[in-house]
């Protein structure tokens, strides 16, 4: 399921990239419009990357995985990273890519 979501988000990113390149080539749009388009590209890249990392982290990203767990929403195992956690409590609360919060393990000091 996550692979399908990733492919949809990646297609959306490619479409936005093509539109951005058309804006650049036109030469008639304002810097503000180009900046807005670029910010949208960054947002779409981050969304696609978050899904990809959840099911298929690159080898160098595996070193940063803090937790793997089964996601019932997507019916598959997901990888969770430091950046997926809220560290404000006595134990981390991870944010799964499906939106569910998952309590992390608390280790005694």
PDB file of N, CA and C in Angstrom:
ATOM      1  N   UNK A   1       0.815  -1.193   0.000  1.00  0.00           N
ATOM      2  CA  UNK A   1       0.000   0.000   0.000  1.00  0.00           C
ATOM      3  C   UNK A   1       0.871   1.274   0.000  1.00  0.00           C
ATOM      4  N   UNK A   2       1.924   1.284   0.840  1.00  0.00           N
ATOM      5  CA  UNK A   2       2.788   2.463   0.882  1.00  0.00           C
ATOM      6  C   UNK A   2       3.484   2.702  -0.453  1.00  0.00           C
ATOM      7  N   UNK A   3       3.816   1.634  -1.152  1.00  0.00           N
ATOM      8  CA  UNK A   3       4.450   1.801  -2.461  1.00  0.00           C
ATOM      9  C   UNK A   3       3.515   2.548  -3.419  1.00  0.00           C
ATOM     10  N   UNK A   4       2.250   2.207  -3.378  1.00  0.00           N
ATOM     11  CA  UNK A   4       1.265   2.886  -4.225  1.00  0.00           C
ATOM     12  C   UNK A   4       1.121   4.354  -3.861  1.00  0.00           C
ATOM     13  N   UNK A   5       1.098   4.641  -2.572  1.00  0.00           N
ATOM     14  CA  UNK A   5       1.007   6.031  -2.120  1.00  0.00           C
ATOM     15  C   UNK A   5       2.252   6.791  -2.545  1.00  0.00           C
ATOM     16  N   UNK A   6       3.415   6.156  -2.391  1.00  0.00           N
ATOM     17  CA  UNK A   6       4.652   6.801  -2.835  1.00  0.00           C
ATOM     18  C   UNK A   6       4.595   7.111  -4.329  1.00  0.00           C
ATOM     19  N   UNK A   7       4.177   6.152  -5.128  1.00  0.00           N
ATOM     20  CA  UNK A   7       4.120   6.379  -6.581  1.00  0.00           C
ATOM     21  C   UNK A   7       3.179   7.518  -6.939  1.00  0.00           C
ATOM     22  N   UNK A   8       2.048   7.623  -6.247  1.00  0.00           N
ATOM     23  CA  UNK A   8       1.127   8.743  -6.479  1.00  0.00           C
ATOM     24  C   UNK A   8       1.790  10.074  -6.132  1.00  0.00           C
ATOM     25  N   UNK A   9       2.449  10.111  -4.990  1.00  0.00           N
ATOM     26  CA  UNK A   9       3.110  11.353  -4.570  1.00  0.00           C
ATOM     27  C   UNK A   9       4.281  11.697  -5.485  1.00  0.00           C
ATOM     28  N   UNK A  10       4.980  10.684  -5.955  1.00  0.00           N
ATOM     29  CA  UNK A  10       6.094  10.925  -6.869  1.00  0.00           C
ATOM     30  C   UNK A  10       5.574  11.470  -8.199  1.00  0.00           C
ATOM     31  N   UNK A  11       4.474  10.928  -8.704  1.00  0.00           N
ATOM     32  CA  UNK A  11       3.864  11.455  -9.935  1.00  0.00           C
ATOM     33  C   UNK A  11       3.440  12.909  -9.752  1.00  0.00           C
ATOM     34  N   UNK A  12       2.871  13.214  -8.597  1.00  0.00           N
ATOM     35  CA  UNK A  12       2.469  14.587  -8.298  1.00  0.00           C
ATOM     36  C   UNK A  12       3.700  15.506  -8.286  1.00  0.00           C
ATOM     37  N   UNK A  13       4.796  15.025  -7.711  1.00  0.00           N
ATOM     38  CA  UNK A  13       6.041  15.786  -7.686  1.00  0.00           C
ATOM     39  C   UNK A  13       6.566  16.015  -9.101  1.00  0.00           C
ATOM     40  N   UNK A  14       6.551  14.987  -9.938  1.00  0.00           N
ATOM     41  CA  UNK A  14       7.011  15.146 -11.322  1.00  0.00           C
ATOM     42  C   UNK A  14       6.156  16.141 -12.097  1.00  0.00           C
ATOM     43  N   UNK A  15       4.848  16.095 -11.900  1.00  0.00           N
ATOM     44  CA  UNK A  15       3.962  17.064 -12.566  1.00  0.00           C
ATOM     45  C   UNK A  15       4.293  18.487 -12.134  1.00  0.00           C
ATOM     46  N   UNK A  16       4.513  18.670 -10.835  1.00  0.00           N
ATOM     47  CA  UNK A  16       4.855  20.003 -10.327  1.00  0.00           C
ATOM     48  C   UNK A  16       6.207  20.453 -10.866  1.00  0.00           C
ATOM     49  N   UNK A  17       7.134  19.521 -11.002  1.00  0.00           N
ATOM     50  CA  UNK A  17       8.458  19.856 -11.552  1.00  0.00           C
ATOM     51  C   UNK A  17       8.323  20.323 -12.999  1.00  0.00           C
ATOM     52  N   UNK A  18       7.519  19.631 -13.759  1.00  0.00           N
ATOM     53  CA  UNK A  18       7.316  20.025 -15.164  1.00  0.00           C
ATOM     54  C   UNK A  18       6.682  21.409 -15.253  1.00  0.00           C
ATOM     55  N   UNK A  19       5.693  21.674 -14.402  1.00  0.00           N
ATOM     56  CA  UNK A  19       5.066  23.005 -14.389  1.00  0.00           C
ATOM     57  C   UNK A  19       6.081  24.075 -13.997  1.00  0.00           C
ATOM     58  N   UNK A  20       6.915  23.753 -13.022  1.00  0.00           N
ATOM     59  CA  UNK A  20       7.939  24.703 -12.590  1.00  0.00           C
ATOM     60  C   UNK A  20       8.907  25.007 -13.736  1.00  0.00           C
ATOM     61  N   UNK A  21       9.338  23.995 -14.436  1.00  0.00           N
ATOM     62  CA  UNK A  21      10.249  24.182 -15.579  1.00  0.00           C
ATOM     63  C   UNK A  21       9.576  25.015 -16.677  1.00  0.00           C
ATOM     64  N   UNK A  22       8.281  24.830 -16.887  1.00  0.00           N
ATOM     65  CA  UNK A  22       7.554  25.630 -17.874  1.00  0.00           C
ATOM     66  C   UNK A  22       7.517  27.097 -17.449  1.00  0.00           C
ATOM     67  N   UNK A  23       7.308  27.333 -16.156  1.00  0.00           N
ATOM     68  CA  UNK A  23       7.320  28.708 -15.657  1.00  0.00           C
ATOM     69  C   UNK A  23       8.684  29.348 -15.878  1.00  0.00           C
ATOM     70  N   UNK A  24       9.730  28.601 -15.595  1.00  0.00           N
ATOM     71  CA  UNK A  24      11.081  29.120 -15.797  1.00  0.00           C
ATOM     72  C   UNK A  24      11.332  29.433 -17.263  1.00  0.00           C
ATOM     73  N   UNK A  25      10.895  28.533 -18.136  1.00  0.00           N
ATOM     74  CA  UNK A  25      11.144  28.699 -19.567  1.00  0.00           C
ATOM     75  C   UNK A  25      10.343  29.861 -20.147  1.00  0.00           C
ATOM     76  N   UNK A  26       9.168  30.090 -19.587  1.00  0.00           N
ATOM     77  CA  UNK A  26       8.316  31.171 -20.106  1.00  0.00           C
ATOM     78  C   UNK A  26       8.982  32.531 -19.945  1.00  0.00           C
ATOM     79  N   UNK A  27       9.668  32.711 -18.848  1.00  0.00           N
ATOM     80  CA  UNK A  27      10.371  33.969 -18.628  1.00  0.00           C
ATOM     81  C   UNK A  27       9.459  35.155 -18.387  1.00  0.00           C
ATOM     82  N   UNK A  28       8.171  34.923 -18.221  1.00  0.00           N
ATOM     83  CA  UNK A  28       7.231  36.027 -18.034  1.00  0.00           C
ATOM     84  C   UNK A  28       6.600  36.039 -16.644  1.00  0.00           C
ATOM     85  N   UNK A  29       7.015  35.123 -15.778  1.00  0.00           N
ATOM     86  CA  UNK A  29       6.430  35.067 -14.442  1.00  0.00           C
ATOM     87  C   UNK A  29       7.324  35.809 -13.457  1.00  0.00           C
ATOM     88  N   UNK A  30       6.728  36.243 -12.388  1.00  0.00           N
ATOM     89  CA  UNK A  30       7.471  37.012 -11.386  1.00  0.00           C
ATOM     90  C   UNK A  30       8.342  36.090 -10.538  1.00  0.00           C
ATOM     91  N   UNK A  31       9.278  36.701  -9.869  1.00  0.00           N
ATOM     92  CA  UNK A  31      10.141  35.962  -8.953  1.00  0.00           C
ATOM     93  C   UNK A  31       9.284  35.347  -7.836  1.00  0.00           C
ATOM     94  N   UNK A  32       8.272  36.069  -7.402  1.00  0.00           N
ATOM     95  CA  UNK A  32       7.390  35.561  -6.356  1.00  0.00           C
ATOM     96  C   UNK A  32       6.674  34.284  -6.812  1.00  0.00           C
ATOM     97  N   UNK A  33       6.232  34.260  -8.070  1.00  0.00           N
ATOM     98  CA  UNK A  33       5.564  33.058  -8.596  1.00  0.00           C
ATOM     99  C   UNK A  33       6.542  31.884  -8.685  1.00  0.00           C
ATOM    100  N   UNK A  34       7.763  32.159  -9.110  1.00  0.00           N
ATOM    101  CA  UNK A  34       8.779  31.102  -9.166  1.00  0.00           C
ATOM    102  C   UNK A  34       9.110  30.592  -7.762  1.00  0.00           C
ATOM    103  N   UNK A  35       9.186  31.493  -6.814  1.00  0.00           N
ATOM    104  CA  UNK A  35       9.483  31.088  -5.440  1.00  0.00           C
ATOM    105  C   UNK A  35       8.351  30.232  -4.874  1.00  0.00           C
ATOM    106  N   UNK A  36       7.126  30.626  -5.145  1.00  0.00           N
ATOM    107  CA  UNK A  36       5.967  29.849  -4.686  1.00  0.00           C
ATOM    108  C   UNK A  36       5.980  28.454  -5.315  1.00  0.00           C
ATOM    109  N   UNK A  37       6.294  28.389  -6.590  1.00  0.00           N
ATOM    110  CA  UNK A  37       6.378  27.109  -7.283  1.00  0.00           C
ATOM    111  C   UNK A  37       7.490  26.252  -6.683  1.00  0.00           C
ATOM    112  N   UNK A  38       8.604  26.863  -6.375  1.00  0.00           N
ATOM    113  CA  UNK A  38       9.726  26.124  -5.792  1.00  0.00           C
ATOM    114  C   UNK A  38       9.388  25.607  -4.396  1.00  0.00           C
ATOM    115  N   UNK A  39       8.700  26.415  -3.607  1.00  0.00           N
ATOM    116  CA  UNK A  39       8.288  25.976  -2.278  1.00  0.00           C
ATOM    117  C   UNK A  39       7.334  24.791  -2.368  1.00  0.00           C
ATOM    118  N   UNK A  40       6.461  24.829  -3.364  1.00  0.00           N
ATOM    119  CA  UNK A  40       5.541  23.704  -3.587  1.00  0.00           C
ATOM    120  C   UNK A  40       6.333  22.445  -3.952  1.00  0.00           C
ATOM    121  N   UNK A  41       7.345  22.589  -4.783  1.00  0.00           N
ATOM    122  CA  UNK A  41       8.202  21.449  -5.130  1.00  0.00           C
ATOM    123  C   UNK A  41       8.855  20.859  -3.880  1.00  0.00           C
ATOM    124  N   UNK A  42       9.372  21.712  -3.029  1.00  0.00           N
ATOM    125  CA  UNK A  42      10.014  21.249  -1.801  1.00  0.00           C
ATOM    126  C   UNK A  42       9.027  20.486  -0.918  1.00  0.00           C
ATOM    127  N   UNK A  43       7.813  21.022  -0.804  1.00  0.00           N
ATOM    128  CA  UNK A  43       6.770  20.376   0.003  1.00  0.00           C
ATOM    129  C   UNK A  43       6.427  18.992  -0.566  1.00  0.00           C
ATOM    130  N   UNK A  44       6.248  18.909  -1.870  1.00  0.00           N
ATOM    131  CA  UNK A  44       5.905  17.636  -2.501  1.00  0.00           C
ATOM    132  C   UNK A  44       7.055  16.635  -2.397  1.00  0.00           C
ATOM    133  N   UNK A  45       8.275  17.106  -2.518  1.00  0.00           N
ATOM    134  CA  UNK A  45       9.442  16.230  -2.360  1.00  0.00           C
ATOM    135  C   UNK A  45       9.487  15.658  -0.953  1.00  0.00           C
ATOM    136  N   UNK A  46       9.265  16.500   0.050  1.00  0.00           N
ATOM    137  CA  UNK A  46       9.289  16.042   1.430  1.00  0.00           C
ATOM    138  C   UNK A  46       8.180  15.025   1.708  1.00  0.00           C
ATOM    139  N   UNK A  47       6.997  15.256   1.146  1.00  0.00           N
ATOM    140  CA  UNK A  47       5.879  14.314   1.340  1.00  0.00           C
ATOM    141  C   UNK A  47       6.189  12.956   0.722  1.00  0.00           C
ATOM    142  N   UNK A  48       6.721  12.958  -0.488  1.00  0.00           N
ATOM    143  CA  UNK A  48       7.064  11.700  -1.153  1.00  0.00           C
ATOM    144  C   UNK A  48       8.200  10.996  -0.404  1.00  0.00           C
ATOM    145  N   UNK A  49       9.175  11.753   0.028  1.00  0.00           N
ATOM    146  CA  UNK A  49      10.314  11.179   0.726  1.00  0.00           C
ATOM    147  C   UNK A  49       9.897  10.559   2.060  1.00  0.00           C
ATOM    148  N   UNK A  50       8.979  11.194   2.768  1.00  0.00           N
ATOM    149  CA  UNK A  50       8.507  10.654   4.053  1.00  0.00           C
ATOM    150  C   UNK A  50       7.870   9.276   3.864  1.00  0.00           C
ATOM    151  N   UNK A  51       7.080   9.123   2.834  1.00  0.00           N
ATOM    152  CA  UNK A  51       6.453   7.823   2.577  1.00  0.00           C
ATOM    153  C   UNK A  51       7.511   6.800   2.177  1.00  0.00           C
ATOM    154  N   UNK A  52       8.426   7.180   1.305  1.00  0.00           N
ATOM    155  CA  UNK A  52       9.459   6.244   0.860  1.00  0.00           C
ATOM    156  C   UNK A  52      10.298   5.753   2.034  1.00  0.00           C
ATOM    157  N   UNK A  53      10.705   6.673   2.892  1.00  0.00           N
ATOM    158  CA  UNK A  53      11.524   6.288   4.042  1.00  0.00           C
ATOM    159  C   UNK A  53      10.784   5.339   4.975  1.00  0.00           C
ATOM    160  N   UNK A  54       9.467   5.449   5.052  1.00  0.00           N
ATOM    161  CA  UNK A  54       8.683   4.601   5.953  1.00  0.00           C
ATOM    162  C   UNK A  54       8.707   3.136   5.542  1.00  0.00           C
ATOM    163  N   UNK A  55       8.851   2.861   4.253  1.00  0.00           N
ATOM    164  CA  UNK A  55       8.840   1.461   3.822  1.00  0.00           C
ATOM    165  C   UNK A  55      10.126   1.021   3.137  1.00  0.00           C
ATOM    166  N   UNK A  56      10.934   1.947   2.649  1.00  0.00           N
ATOM    167  CA  UNK A  56      12.145   1.563   1.917  1.00  0.00           C
ATOM    168  C   UNK A  56      13.281   2.561   2.147  1.00  0.00           C
ATOM    169  N   UNK A  57      13.758   2.658   3.385  1.00  0.00           N
ATOM    170  CA  UNK A  57      14.868   3.587   3.613  1.00  0.00           C
ATOM    171  C   UNK A  57      16.115   3.132   2.863  1.00  0.00           C
ATOM    172  N   UNK A  58      16.903   4.107   2.452  1.00  0.00           N
ATOM    173  CA  UNK A  58      18.181   3.802   1.805  1.00  0.00           C
ATOM    174  C   UNK A  58      19.122   3.215   2.849  1.00  0.00           C
ATOM    175  N   UNK A  59      20.134   2.470   2.419  1.00  0.00           N
ATOM    176  CA  UNK A  59      21.059   1.857   3.383  1.00  0.00           C
ATOM    177  C   UNK A  59      21.635   2.849   4.396  1.00  0.00           C
ATOM    178  N   UNK A  60      22.013   4.032   3.973  1.00  0.00           N
ATOM    179  CA  UNK A  60      22.580   4.998   4.924  1.00  0.00           C
ATOM    180  C   UNK A  60      21.503   5.547   5.867  1.00  0.00           C
ATOM    181  N   UNK A  61      20.237   5.515   5.461  1.00  0.00           N
ATOM    182  CA  UNK A  61      19.147   5.963   6.338  1.00  0.00           C
ATOM    183  C   UNK A  61      18.824   4.921   7.410  1.00  0.00           C
ATOM    184  N   UNK A  62      19.098   3.659   7.127  1.00  0.00           N
ATOM    185  CA  UNK A  62      18.812   2.598   8.093  1.00  0.00           C
ATOM    186  C   UNK A  62      19.530   2.824   9.411  1.00  0.00           C
ATOM    187  N   UNK A  63      20.673   3.491   9.366  1.00  0.00           N
ATOM    188  CA  UNK A  63      21.428   3.774  10.583  1.00  0.00           C
ATOM    189  C   UNK A  63      20.661   4.708  11.518  1.00  0.00           C
ATOM    190  N   UNK A  64      19.710   5.456  10.985  1.00  0.00           N
ATOM    191  CA  UNK A  64      18.956   6.417  11.776  1.00  0.00           C
ATOM    192  C   UNK A  64      17.585   5.899  12.217  1.00  0.00           C
ATOM    193  N   UNK A  65      17.252   4.669  11.864  1.00  0.00           N
ATOM    194  CA  UNK A  65      15.967   4.102  12.266  1.00  0.00           C
ATOM    195  C   UNK A  65      15.995   3.839  13.768  1.00  0.00           C
ATOM    196  N   UNK A  66      14.980   4.345  14.483  1.00  0.00           N
ATOM    197  CA  UNK A  66      14.901   4.112  15.926  1.00  0.00           C
ATOM    198  C   UNK A  66      13.920   3.006  16.275  1.00  0.00           C
ATOM    199  N   UNK A  67      12.940   2.782  15.403  1.00  0.00           N
ATOM    200  CA  UNK A  67      11.897   1.819  15.711  1.00  0.00           C
ATOM    201  C   UNK A  67      11.285   1.303  14.421  1.00  0.00           C
ATOM    202  N   UNK A  68      11.000   0.031  14.392  1.00  0.00           N
ATOM    203  CA  UNK A  68      10.174  -0.529  13.321  1.00  0.00           C
ATOM    204  C   UNK A  68       8.945  -1.103  13.997  1.00  0.00           C
ATOM    205  N   UNK A  69       7.815  -0.959  13.349  1.00  0.00           N
ATOM    206  CA  UNK A  69       6.575  -1.448  13.930  1.00  0.00           C
ATOM    207  C   UNK A  69       5.605  -1.800  12.816  1.00  0.00           C
ATOM    208  N   UNK A  70       4.613  -2.594  13.153  1.00  0.00           N
ATOM    209  CA  UNK A  70       3.587  -2.948  12.177  1.00  0.00           C
ATOM    210  C   UNK A  70       2.520  -1.867  12.178  1.00  0.00           C
ATOM    211  N   UNK A  71       2.218  -1.342  11.020  1.00  0.00           N
ATOM    212  CA  UNK A  71       1.170  -0.331  10.854  1.00  0.00           C
ATOM    213  C   UNK A  71      -0.088  -1.036  10.363  1.00  0.00           C
ATOM    214  N   UNK A  72      -1.099  -1.066  11.203  1.00  0.00           N
ATOM    215  CA  UNK A  72      -2.356  -1.718  10.841  1.00  0.00           C
ATOM    216  C   UNK A  72      -3.112  -0.981   9.747  1.00  0.00           C
ATOM    217  N   UNK A  73      -2.922   0.313   9.668  1.00  0.00           N
ATOM    218  CA  UNK A  73      -3.594   1.100   8.637  1.00  0.00           C
ATOM    219  C   UNK A  73      -3.115   0.696   7.249  1.00  0.00           C
ATOM    220  N   UNK A  74      -1.804   0.544   7.100  1.00  0.00           N
ATOM    221  CA  UNK A  74      -1.231   0.186   5.804  1.00  0.00           C
ATOM    222  C   UNK A  74      -0.949  -1.310   5.683  1.00  0.00           C
ATOM    223  N   UNK A  75      -1.146  -2.049   6.791  1.00  0.00           N
ATOM    224  CA  UNK A  75      -0.963  -3.499   6.804  1.00  0.00           C
ATOM    225  C   UNK A  75       0.457  -3.897   6.397  1.00  0.00           C
ATOM    226  N   UNK A  76       1.443  -3.144   6.924  1.00  0.00           N
ATOM    227  CA  UNK A  76       2.837  -3.478   6.665  1.00  0.00           C
ATOM    228  C   UNK A  76       3.740  -2.855   7.722  1.00  0.00           C
ATOM    229  N   UNK A  77       4.960  -3.324   7.768  1.00  0.00           N
ATOM    230  CA  UNK A  77       5.943  -2.808   8.710  1.00  0.00           C
ATOM    231  C   UNK A  77       6.448  -1.452   8.223  1.00  0.00           C
ATOM    232  N   UNK A  78       6.605  -0.519   9.158  1.00  0.00           N
ATOM    233  CA  UNK A  78       7.125   0.805   8.822  1.00  0.00           C
ATOM    234  C   UNK A  78       8.356   1.098   9.667  1.00  0.00           C
ATOM    235  N   UNK A  79       9.229   1.928   9.118  1.00  0.00           N
ATOM    236  CA  UNK A  79      10.421   2.386   9.799  1.00  0.00           C
ATOM    237  C   UNK A  79      10.143   3.771  10.370  1.00  0.00           C
ATOM    238  N   UNK A  80      10.539   3.990  11.625  1.00  0.00           N
ATOM    239  CA  UNK A  80      10.343   5.281  12.274  1.00  0.00           C
ATOM    240  C   UNK A  80      11.696   5.851  12.679  1.00  0.00           C
ATOM    241  N   UNK A  81      11.853   7.149  12.483  1.00  0.00           N
ATOM    242  CA  UNK A  81      13.117   7.842  12.680  1.00  0.00           C
ATOM    243  C   UNK A  81      13.006   8.858  13.811  1.00  0.00           C
ATOM    244  N   UNK A  82      14.143   9.382  14.222  1.00  0.00           N
ATOM    245  CA  UNK A  82      14.208  10.426  15.246  1.00  0.00           C
ATOM    246  C   UNK A  82      13.282  11.581  14.888  1.00  0.00           C
ATOM    247  N   UNK A  83      13.271  11.950  13.637  1.00  0.00           N
ATOM    248  CA  UNK A  83      12.458  13.094  13.197  1.00  0.00           C
ATOM    249  C   UNK A  83      10.962  12.782  13.194  1.00  0.00           C
ATOM    250  N   UNK A  84      10.595  11.511  13.376  1.00  0.00           N
ATOM    251  CA  UNK A  84       9.182  11.126  13.435  1.00  0.00           C
ATOM    252  C   UNK A  84       8.642  11.183  14.855  1.00  0.00           C
ATOM    253  N   UNK A  85       9.463  11.582  15.822  1.00  0.00           N
ATOM    254  CA  UNK A  85       9.067  11.502  17.227  1.00  0.00           C
ATOM    255  C   UNK A  85       8.888  12.864  17.873  1.00  0.00           C
ATOM    256  N   UNK A  86       7.983  12.884  18.824  1.00  0.00           N
ATOM    257  CA  UNK A  86       7.806  14.020  19.724  1.00  0.00           C
ATOM    258  C   UNK A  86       8.524  13.624  21.016  1.00  0.00           C
ATOM    259  N   UNK A  87       9.541  14.369  21.387  1.00  0.00           N
ATOM    260  CA  UNK A  87      10.384  14.021  22.523  1.00  0.00           C
ATOM    261  C   UNK A  87      10.032  14.821  23.772  1.00  0.00           C
ATOM    262  N   UNK A  88       8.885  15.470  23.814  1.00  0.00           N
ATOM    263  CA  UNK A  88       8.571  16.370  24.927  1.00  0.00           C
ATOM    264  C   UNK A  88       8.126  15.650  26.200  1.00  0.00           C
ATOM    265  N   UNK A  89       7.718  14.413  26.131  1.00  0.00           N
ATOM    266  CA  UNK A  89       7.259  13.685  27.315  1.00  0.00           C
ATOM    267  C   UNK A  89       8.335  12.808  27.913  1.00  0.00           C
ATOM    268  N   UNK A  90       7.907  11.897  28.782  1.00  0.00           N
ATOM    269  CA  UNK A  90       8.858  10.996  29.425  1.00  0.00           C
ATOM    270  C   UNK A  90       9.307   9.875  28.497  1.00  0.00           C
ATOM    271  N   UNK A  91       8.613   9.706  27.402  1.00  0.00           N
ATOM    272  CA  UNK A  91       9.006   8.743  26.372  1.00  0.00           C
ATOM    273  C   UNK A  91       8.634   9.309  25.011  1.00  0.00           C
ATOM    274  N   UNK A  92       9.338   8.919  23.994  1.00  0.00           N
ATOM    275  CA  UNK A  92       9.013   9.459  22.663  1.00  0.00           C
ATOM    276  C   UNK A  92       7.667   8.949  22.173  1.00  0.00           C
ATOM    277  N   UNK A  93       6.975   9.799  21.444  1.00  0.00           N
ATOM    278  CA  UNK A  93       5.733   9.414  20.763  1.00  0.00           C
ATOM    279  C   UNK A  93       5.997   9.606  19.280  1.00  0.00           C
ATOM    280  N   UNK A  94       6.030   8.502  18.563  1.00  0.00           N
ATOM    281  CA  UNK A  94       6.338   8.529  17.141  1.00  0.00           C
ATOM    282  C   UNK A  94       5.080   8.814  16.334  1.00  0.00           C
ATOM    283  N   UNK A  95       5.256   9.483  15.210  1.00  0.00           N
ATOM    284  CA  UNK A  95       4.174   9.775  14.281  1.00  0.00           C
ATOM    285  C   UNK A  95       4.365   8.879  13.071  1.00  0.00           C
ATOM    286  N   UNK A  96       3.520   7.875  12.950  1.00  0.00           N
ATOM    287  CA  UNK A  96       3.575   6.985  11.795  1.00  0.00           C
ATOM    288  C   UNK A  96       3.141   7.766  10.557  1.00  0.00           C
ATOM    289  N   UNK A  97       3.587   7.333   9.417  1.00  0.00           N
ATOM    290  CA  UNK A  97       3.229   8.006   8.170  1.00  0.00           C
ATOM    291  C   UNK A  97       1.706   7.974   7.934  1.00  0.00           C
ATOM    292  N   UNK A  98       1.000   7.039   8.565  1.00  0.00           N
ATOM    293  CA  UNK A  98      -0.466   6.972   8.436  1.00  0.00           C
ATOM    294  C   UNK A  98      -1.157   8.010   9.300  1.00  0.00           C
ATOM    295  N   UNK A  99      -0.409   8.643  10.228  1.00  0.00           N
ATOM    296  CA  UNK A  99      -0.971   9.653  11.110  1.00  0.00           C
ATOM    297  C   UNK A  99      -1.175   9.178  12.540  1.00  0.00           C
ATOM    298  N   UNK A 100      -1.045   7.894  12.796  1.00  0.00           N
ATOM    299  CA  UNK A 100      -1.203   7.338  14.131  1.00  0.00           C
ATOM    300  C   UNK A 100      -0.003   7.692  14.995  1.00  0.00           C
ATOM    301  N   UNK A 101      -0.263   7.932  16.276  1.00  0.00           N
ATOM    302  CA  UNK A 101       0.830   8.159  17.227  1.00  0.00           C
ATOM    303  C   UNK A 101       1.145   6.833  17.909  1.00  0.00           C
ATOM    304  N   UNK A 102       2.449   6.558  18.046  1.00  0.00           N
ATOM    305  CA  UNK A 102       2.906   5.299  18.620  1.00  0.00           C
ATOM    306  C   UNK A 102       3.841   5.623  19.777  1.00  0.00           C
ATOM    307  N   UNK A 103       3.528   5.081  20.953  1.00  0.00           N
ATOM    308  CA  UNK A 103       4.407   5.293  22.101  1.00  0.00           C
ATOM    309  C   UNK A 103       5.681   4.518  21.925  1.00  0.00           C
ATOM    310  N   UNK A 104       6.802   5.190  22.183  1.00  0.00           N
ATOM    311  CA  UNK A 104       8.102   4.531  22.135  1.00  0.00           C
ATOM    312  C   UNK A 104       8.406   3.879  23.464  1.00  0.00           C
ATOM    313  N   UNK A 105       9.464   3.155  23.503  1.00  0.00           N
ATOM    314  CA  UNK A 105       9.882   2.463  24.716  1.00  0.00           C
ATOM    315  C   UNK A 105      10.680   3.411  25.586  1.00  0.00           C
ATOM    316  N   UNK A 106      10.389   3.400  26.868  1.00  0.00           N
ATOM    317  CA  UNK A 106      11.158   4.210  27.813  1.00  0.00           C
ATOM    318  C   UNK A 106      12.216   3.304  28.432  1.00  0.00           C
ATOM    319  N   UNK A 107      13.467   3.722  28.356  1.00  0.00           N
ATOM    320  CA  UNK A 107      14.567   2.970  28.946  1.00  0.00           C
ATOM    321  C   UNK A 107      14.989   3.653  30.234  1.00  0.00           C
ATOM    322  N   UNK A 108      15.164   2.892  31.321  1.00  0.00           N
ATOM    323  CA  UNK A 108      15.608   3.528  32.572  1.00  0.00           C
ATOM    324  C   UNK A 108      16.997   4.129  32.417  1.00  0.00           C
ATOM    325  N   UNK A 109      17.224   5.213  33.120  1.00  0.00           N
ATOM    326  CA  UNK A 109      18.521   5.899  33.039  1.00  0.00           C
ATOM    327  C   UNK A 109      19.580   5.163  33.819  1.00  0.00           C
TER     328      UNK A 109
END
